[in-house]
Amino acid sequence: MSSKDLVKLKCTIIDAFPGAKFKAVVIENGHTINCIISGRIRKNNIAILKGDDVDVEVSPYDLSLGRIVYRY
């Protein structure tokens, strides 16, 4: 799958779990997504907390799991 096939959503973090996993809610429709941190965010040691607005890339095949790619 190429990066063109991914869907980018604007979300808000509602819960943080151990192991750099998060639960986010999509701003437009209220759908909940389980998220992990992308490698670039992990490498640059960017902190993500509850209430942060983020961009999440989601596969069109599984809309319940995503990857956080940008923090506002």
PDB file of N, CA and C in Angstrom:
ATOM      1  N   MET A   1       0.834  -1.170   0.000  1.00  0.00           N
ATOM      2  CA  MET A   1       0.000   0.000   0.000  1.00  0.00           C
ATOM      3  C   MET A   1       0.884   1.240   0.000  1.00  0.00           C
ATOM      4  N   SER A   2       0.586   2.164  -0.873  1.00  0.00           N
ATOM      5  CA  SER A   2       1.367   3.387  -0.937  1.00  0.00           C
ATOM      6  C   SER A   2       0.780   4.433   0.012  1.00  0.00           C
ATOM      7  N   SER A   3       1.523   5.493   0.193  1.00  0.00           N
ATOM      8  CA  SER A   3       1.060   6.550   1.087  1.00  0.00           C
ATOM      9  C   SER A   3      -0.120   7.314   0.490  1.00  0.00           C
ATOM     10  N   LYS A   4      -0.374   7.180  -0.807  1.00  0.00           N
ATOM     11  CA  LYS A   4      -1.519   7.829  -1.428  1.00  0.00           C
ATOM     12  C   LYS A   4      -2.830   7.183  -1.017  1.00  0.00           C
ATOM     13  N   ASP A   5      -2.785   5.913  -0.616  1.00  0.00           N
ATOM     14  CA  ASP A   5      -3.995   5.192  -0.253  1.00  0.00           C
ATOM     15  C   ASP A   5      -4.465   5.486   1.166  1.00  0.00           C
ATOM     16  N   LEU A   6      -3.645   6.118   1.988  1.00  0.00           N
ATOM     17  CA  LEU A   6      -3.998   6.367   3.382  1.00  0.00           C
ATOM     18  C   LEU A   6      -4.940   7.558   3.500  1.00  0.00           C
ATOM     19  N   VAL A   7      -5.823   7.497   4.487  1.00  0.00           N
ATOM     20  CA  VAL A   7      -6.771   8.576   4.768  1.00  0.00           C
ATOM     21  C   VAL A   7      -6.233   9.368   5.952  1.00  0.00           C
ATOM     22  N   LYS A   8      -6.145  10.692   5.819  1.00  0.00           N
ATOM     23  CA  LYS A   8      -5.625  11.540   6.885  1.00  0.00           C
ATOM     24  C   LYS A   8      -6.800  12.212   7.593  1.00  0.00           C
ATOM     25  N   LEU A   9      -6.850  12.048   8.929  1.00  0.00           N
ATOM     26  CA  LEU A   9      -7.928  12.599   9.739  1.00  0.00           C
ATOM     27  C   LEU A   9      -7.363  13.519  10.816  1.00  0.00           C
ATOM     28  N   LYS A  10      -8.112  14.536  11.174  1.00  0.00           N
ATOM     29  CA  LYS A  10      -7.730  15.415  12.286  1.00  0.00           C
ATOM     30  C   LYS A  10      -8.458  14.921  13.523  1.00  0.00           C
ATOM     31  N   CYS A  11      -7.707  14.600  14.575  1.00  0.00           N
ATOM     32  CA  CYS A  11      -8.262  13.980  15.775  1.00  0.00           C
ATOM     33  C   CYS A  11      -7.792  14.687  17.032  1.00  0.00           C
ATOM     34  N   THR A  12      -8.432  14.351  18.147  1.00  0.00           N
ATOM     35  CA  THR A  12      -8.047  14.820  19.471  1.00  0.00           C
ATOM     36  C   THR A  12      -7.772  13.608  20.349  1.00  0.00           C
ATOM     37  N   ILE A  13      -6.672  13.632  21.087  1.00  0.00           N
ATOM     38  CA  ILE A  13      -6.299  12.528  21.970  1.00  0.00           C
ATOM     39  C   ILE A  13      -7.193  12.561  23.201  1.00  0.00           C
ATOM     40  N   ILE A  14      -7.821  11.411  23.525  1.00  0.00           N
ATOM     41  CA  ILE A  14      -8.684  11.357  24.704  1.00  0.00           C
ATOM     42  C   ILE A  14      -8.116  10.464  25.801  1.00  0.00           C
ATOM     43  N   ASP A  15      -7.163   9.573  25.464  1.00  0.00           N
ATOM     44  CA  ASP A  15      -6.597   8.692  26.472  1.00  0.00           C
ATOM     45  C   ASP A  15      -5.218   8.228  26.023  1.00  0.00           C
ATOM     46  N   ALA A  16      -4.309   8.025  26.983  1.00  0.00           N
ATOM     47  CA  ALA A  16      -2.952   7.560  26.698  1.00  0.00           C
ATOM     48  C   ALA A  16      -2.729   6.237  27.427  1.00  0.00           C
ATOM     49  N   PHE A  17      -2.105   5.284  26.742  1.00  0.00           N
ATOM     50  CA  PHE A  17      -1.812   3.969  27.298  1.00  0.00           C
ATOM     51  C   PHE A  17      -0.306   3.735  27.291  1.00  0.00           C
ATOM     52  N   PRO A  18       0.181   2.771  28.067  1.00  0.00           N
ATOM     53  CA  PRO A  18       1.613   2.451  28.037  1.00  0.00           C
ATOM     54  C   PRO A  18       2.038   1.940  26.669  1.00  0.00           C
ATOM     55  N   GLY A  19       3.308   2.119  26.357  1.00  0.00           N
ATOM     56  CA  GLY A  19       3.839   1.635  25.087  1.00  0.00           C
ATOM     57  C   GLY A  19       3.552   2.540  23.921  1.00  0.00           C
ATOM     58  N   ALA A  20       3.378   3.827  24.174  1.00  0.00           N
ATOM     59  CA  ALA A  20       3.147   4.833  23.131  1.00  0.00           C
ATOM     60  C   ALA A  20       1.898   4.531  22.308  1.00  0.00           C
ATOM     61  N   LYS A  21       0.844   4.088  22.976  1.00  0.00           N
ATOM     62  CA  LYS A  21      -0.443   3.859  22.320  1.00  0.00           C
ATOM     63  C   LYS A  21      -1.452   4.851  22.864  1.00  0.00           C
ATOM     64  N   PHE A  22      -2.362   5.283  22.005  1.00  0.00           N
ATOM     65  CA  PHE A  22      -3.313   6.317  22.365  1.00  0.00           C
ATOM     66  C   PHE A  22      -4.687   5.968  21.830  1.00  0.00           C
ATOM     67  N   LYS A  23      -5.705   6.597  22.415  1.00  0.00           N
ATOM     68  CA  LYS A  23      -7.054   6.526  21.891  1.00  0.00           C
ATOM     69  C   LYS A  23      -7.434   7.939  21.486  1.00  0.00           C
ATOM     70  N   ALA A  24      -7.880   8.093  20.243  1.00  0.00           N
ATOM     71  CA  ALA A  24      -8.217   9.407  19.709  1.00  0.00           C
ATOM     72  C   ALA A  24      -9.645   9.391  19.184  1.00  0.00           C
ATOM     73  N   VAL A  25     -10.253  10.558  19.174  1.00  0.00           N
ATOM     74  CA  VAL A  25     -11.593  10.699  18.633  1.00  0.00           C
ATOM     75  C   VAL A  25     -11.526  11.656  17.442  1.00  0.00           C
ATOM     76  N   VAL A  26     -12.190  11.280  16.353  1.00  0.00           N
ATOM     77  CA  VAL A  26     -12.203  12.099  15.144  1.00  0.00           C
ATOM     78  C   VAL A  26     -13.106  13.303  15.392  1.00  0.00           C
ATOM     79  N   ILE A  27     -12.641  14.476  15.037  1.00  0.00           N
ATOM     80  CA  ILE A  27     -13.359  15.714  15.334  1.00  0.00           C
ATOM     81  C   ILE A  27     -14.688  15.795  14.576  1.00  0.00           C
ATOM     82  N   GLU A  28     -14.713  15.380  13.310  1.00  0.00           N
ATOM     83  CA  GLU A  28     -15.909  15.574  12.492  1.00  0.00           C
ATOM     84  C   GLU A  28     -17.088  14.715  12.937  1.00  0.00           C
ATOM     85  N   ASN A  29     -16.858  13.410  13.171  1.00  0.00           N
ATOM     86  CA  ASN A  29     -17.995  12.521  13.403  1.00  0.00           C
ATOM     87  C   ASN A  29     -17.982  11.806  14.753  1.00  0.00           C
ATOM     88  N   GLY A  30     -16.965  11.968  15.581  1.00  0.00           N
ATOM     89  CA  GLY A  30     -16.935  11.354  16.897  1.00  0.00           C
ATOM     90  C   GLY A  30     -16.521   9.901  16.924  1.00  0.00           C
ATOM     91  N   HIS A  31     -16.000   9.373  15.833  1.00  0.00           N
ATOM     92  CA  HIS A  31     -15.530   7.990  15.759  1.00  0.00           C
ATOM     93  C   HIS A  31     -14.235   7.833  16.562  1.00  0.00           C
ATOM     94  N   THR A  32     -14.074   6.715  17.288  1.00  0.00           N
ATOM     95  CA  THR A  32     -12.893   6.483  18.116  1.00  0.00           C
ATOM     96  C   THR A  32     -11.891   5.607  17.375  1.00  0.00           C
ATOM     97  N   ILE A  33     -10.598   5.976  17.446  1.00  0.00           N
ATOM     98  CA  ILE A  33      -9.519   5.263  16.757  1.00  0.00           C
ATOM     99  C   ILE A  33      -8.417   4.955  17.757  1.00  0.00           C
ATOM    100  N   ASN A  34      -7.892   3.731  17.730  1.00  0.00           N
ATOM    101  CA  ASN A  34      -6.698   3.395  18.497  1.00  0.00           C
ATOM    102  C   ASN A  34      -5.493   3.780  17.651  1.00  0.00           C
ATOM    103  N   CYS A  35      -4.518   4.466  18.253  1.00  0.00           N
ATOM    104  CA  CYS A  35      -3.397   5.018  17.490  1.00  0.00           C
ATOM    105  C   CYS A  35      -2.064   4.619  18.108  1.00  0.00           C
ATOM    106  N   ILE A  36      -1.034   4.605  17.256  1.00  0.00           N
ATOM    107  CA  ILE A  36       0.344   4.466  17.685  1.00  0.00           C
ATOM    108  C   ILE A  36       1.116   5.665  17.137  1.00  0.00           C
ATOM    109  N   ILE A  37       2.324   5.866  17.631  1.00  0.00           N
ATOM    110  CA  ILE A  37       3.147   6.994  17.196  1.00  0.00           C
ATOM    111  C   ILE A  37       3.987   6.570  15.996  1.00  0.00           C
ATOM    112  N   SER A  38       4.121   7.463  15.025  1.00  0.00           N
ATOM    113  CA  SER A  38       4.986   7.179  13.882  1.00  0.00           C
ATOM    114  C   SER A  38       6.452   7.248  14.311  1.00  0.00           C
ATOM    115  N   GLY A  39       7.321   6.699  13.505  1.00  0.00           N
ATOM    116  CA  GLY A  39       8.739   6.644  13.823  1.00  0.00           C
ATOM    117  C   GLY A  39       9.396   8.003  13.910  1.00  0.00           C
ATOM    118  N   ARG A  40       8.963   8.938  13.087  1.00  0.00           N
ATOM    119  CA  ARG A  40       9.563  10.275  13.091  1.00  0.00           C
ATOM    120  C   ARG A  40       9.227  11.022  14.384  1.00  0.00           C
ATOM    121  N   ILE A  41       8.005  10.881  14.890  1.00  0.00           N
ATOM    122  CA  ILE A  41       7.630  11.519  16.156  1.00  0.00           C
ATOM    123  C   ILE A  41       8.383  10.872  17.309  1.00  0.00           C
ATOM    124  N   ARG A  42       8.522   9.549  17.264  1.00  0.00           N
ATOM    125  CA  ARG A  42       9.254   8.837  18.313  1.00  0.00           C
ATOM    126  C   ARG A  42      10.737   9.213  18.298  1.00  0.00           C
ATOM    127  N   LYS A  43      11.316   9.328  17.102  1.00  0.00           N
ATOM    128  CA  LYS A  43      12.733   9.664  16.961  1.00  0.00           C
ATOM    129  C   LYS A  43      13.043  11.062  17.484  1.00  0.00           C
ATOM    130  N   ASN A  44      12.162  12.020  17.228  1.00  0.00           N
ATOM    131  CA  ASN A  44      12.367  13.396  17.665  1.00  0.00           C
ATOM    132  C   ASN A  44      11.857  13.656  19.072  1.00  0.00           C
ATOM    133  N   ASN A  45      11.344  12.621  19.738  1.00  0.00           N
ATOM    134  CA  ASN A  45      10.943  12.679  21.136  1.00  0.00           C
ATOM    135  C   ASN A  45       9.892  13.767  21.390  1.00  0.00           C
ATOM    136  N   ILE A  46       8.851  13.776  20.557  1.00  0.00           N
ATOM    137  CA  ILE A  46       7.765  14.738  20.688  1.00  0.00           C
ATOM    138  C   ILE A  46       6.737  14.170  21.655  1.00  0.00           C
ATOM    139  N   ALA A  47       6.402  14.926  22.691  1.00  0.00           N
ATOM    140  CA  ALA A  47       5.455  14.467  23.697  1.00  0.00           C
ATOM    141  C   ALA A  47       4.023  14.675  23.209  1.00  0.00           C
ATOM    142  N   ILE A  48       3.193  13.656  23.399  1.00  0.00           N
ATOM    143  CA  ILE A  48       1.781  13.741  23.056  1.00  0.00           C
ATOM    144  C   ILE A  48       0.994  13.480  24.333  1.00  0.00           C
ATOM    145  N   LEU A  49       0.097  14.407  24.678  1.00  0.00           N
ATOM    146  CA  LEU A  49      -0.675  14.334  25.907  1.00  0.00           C
ATOM    147  C   LEU A  49      -2.167  14.357  25.606  1.00  0.00           C
ATOM    148  N   LYS A  50      -2.977  14.103  26.628  1.00  0.00           N
ATOM    149  CA  LYS A  50      -4.431  14.188  26.482  1.00  0.00           C
ATOM    150  C   LYS A  50      -4.822  15.590  26.048  1.00  0.00           C
ATOM    151  N   GLY A  51      -5.773  15.665  25.143  1.00  0.00           N
ATOM    152  CA  GLY A  51      -6.261  16.958  24.686  1.00  0.00           C
ATOM    153  C   GLY A  51      -5.522  17.524  23.499  1.00  0.00           C
ATOM    154  N   ASP A  52      -4.418  16.912  23.076  1.00  0.00           N
ATOM    155  CA  ASP A  52      -3.663  17.413  21.925  1.00  0.00           C
ATOM    156  C   ASP A  52      -4.412  17.111  20.626  1.00  0.00           C
ATOM    157  N   ASP A  53      -4.319  18.041  19.677  1.00  0.00           N
ATOM    158  CA  ASP A  53      -4.852  17.823  18.330  1.00  0.00           C
ATOM    159  C   ASP A  53      -3.757  17.224  17.477  1.00  0.00           C
ATOM    160  N   VAL A  54      -4.072  16.160  16.744  1.00  0.00           N
ATOM    161  CA  VAL A  54      -3.093  15.441  15.949  1.00  0.00           C
ATOM    162  C   VAL A  54      -3.688  15.073  14.589  1.00  0.00           C
ATOM    163  N   ASP A  55      -2.811  14.786  13.631  1.00  0.00           N
ATOM    164  CA  ASP A  55      -3.199  14.188  12.361  1.00  0.00           C
ATOM    165  C   ASP A  55      -2.925  12.699  12.446  1.00  0.00           C
ATOM    166  N   VAL A  56      -3.900  11.902  12.018  1.00  0.00           N
ATOM    167  CA  VAL A  56      -3.784  10.447  12.071  1.00  0.00           C
ATOM    168  C   VAL A  56      -3.978   9.900  10.662  1.00  0.00           C
ATOM    169  N   GLU A  57      -3.064   9.012  10.240  1.00  0.00           N
ATOM    170  CA  GLU A  57      -3.216   8.308   8.972  1.00  0.00           C
ATOM    171  C   GLU A  57      -3.876   6.974   9.251  1.00  0.00           C
ATOM    172  N   VAL A  58      -4.932   6.672   8.480  1.00  0.00           N
ATOM    173  CA  VAL A  58      -5.701   5.451   8.664  1.00  0.00           C
ATOM    174  C   VAL A  58      -5.791   4.725   7.330  1.00  0.00           C
ATOM    175  N   SER A  59      -5.658   3.407   7.380  1.00  0.00           N
ATOM    176  CA  SER A  59      -5.832   2.588   6.188  1.00  0.00           C
ATOM    177  C   SER A  59      -7.321   2.507   5.848  1.00  0.00           C
ATOM    178  N   PRO A  60      -7.675   2.549   4.572  1.00  0.00           N
ATOM    179  CA  PRO A  60      -9.097   2.431   4.224  1.00  0.00           C
ATOM    180  C   PRO A  60      -9.660   1.037   4.511  1.00  0.00           C
ATOM    181  N   TYR A  61      -8.802   0.055   4.759  1.00  0.00           N
ATOM    182  CA  TYR A  61      -9.255  -1.304   5.029  1.00  0.00           C
ATOM    183  C   TYR A  61      -9.594  -1.519   6.499  1.00  0.00           C
ATOM    184  N   ASP A  62      -8.928  -0.807   7.417  1.00  0.00           N
ATOM    185  CA  ASP A  62      -9.171  -0.945   8.847  1.00  0.00           C
ATOM    186  C   ASP A  62      -9.227   0.450   9.456  1.00  0.00           C
ATOM    187  N   LEU A  63     -10.421   0.965   9.661  1.00  0.00           N
ATOM    188  CA  LEU A  63     -10.591   2.329  10.146  1.00  0.00           C
ATOM    189  C   LEU A  63     -10.496   2.449  11.663  1.00  0.00           C
ATOM    190  N   SER A  64     -10.209   1.357  12.361  1.00  0.00           N
ATOM    191  CA  SER A  64     -10.142   1.414  13.824  1.00  0.00           C
ATOM    192  C   SER A  64      -8.711   1.548  14.346  1.00  0.00           C
ATOM    193  N   LEU A  65      -7.703   1.496  13.467  1.00  0.00           N
ATOM    194  CA  LEU A  65      -6.308   1.585  13.876  1.00  0.00           C
ATOM    195  C   LEU A  65      -5.601   2.618  13.007  1.00  0.00           C
ATOM    196  N   GLY A  66      -4.842   3.517  13.654  1.00  0.00           N
ATOM    197  CA  GLY A  66      -4.172   4.568  12.907  1.00  0.00           C
ATOM    198  C   GLY A  66      -2.786   4.852  13.434  1.00  0.00           C
ATOM    199  N   ARG A  67      -2.090   5.754  12.732  1.00  0.00           N
ATOM    200  CA  ARG A  67      -0.731   6.154  13.096  1.00  0.00           C
ATOM    201  C   ARG A  67      -0.689   7.673  13.177  1.00  0.00           C
ATOM    202  N   ILE A  68      -0.227   8.187  14.315  1.00  0.00           N
ATOM    203  CA  ILE A  68      -0.133   9.630  14.532  1.00  0.00           C
ATOM    204  C   ILE A  68       1.086  10.139  13.763  1.00  0.00           C
ATOM    205  N   VAL A  69       0.867  11.094  12.859  1.00  0.00           N
ATOM    206  CA  VAL A  69       1.953  11.599  12.026  1.00  0.00           C
ATOM    207  C   VAL A  69       2.300  13.056  12.288  1.00  0.00           C
ATOM    208  N   TYR A  70       1.417  13.812  12.963  1.00  0.00           N
ATOM    209  CA  TYR A  70       1.689  15.217  13.216  1.00  0.00           C
ATOM    210  C   TYR A  70       0.946  15.660  14.465  1.00  0.00           C
ATOM    211  N   ARG A  71       1.593  16.483  15.294  1.00  0.00           N
ATOM    212  CA  ARG A  71       0.993  17.049  16.488  1.00  0.00           C
ATOM    213  C   ARG A  71       0.927  18.566  16.320  1.00  0.00           C
ATOM    214  N   TYR A  72      -0.242  19.138  16.529  1.00  0.00           N
ATOM    215  CA  TYR A  72      -0.420  20.597  16.408  1.00  0.00           C
ATOM    216  C   TYR A  72      -0.004  21.287  17.668  1.00  0.00           C
TER     217      TYR A  72
END
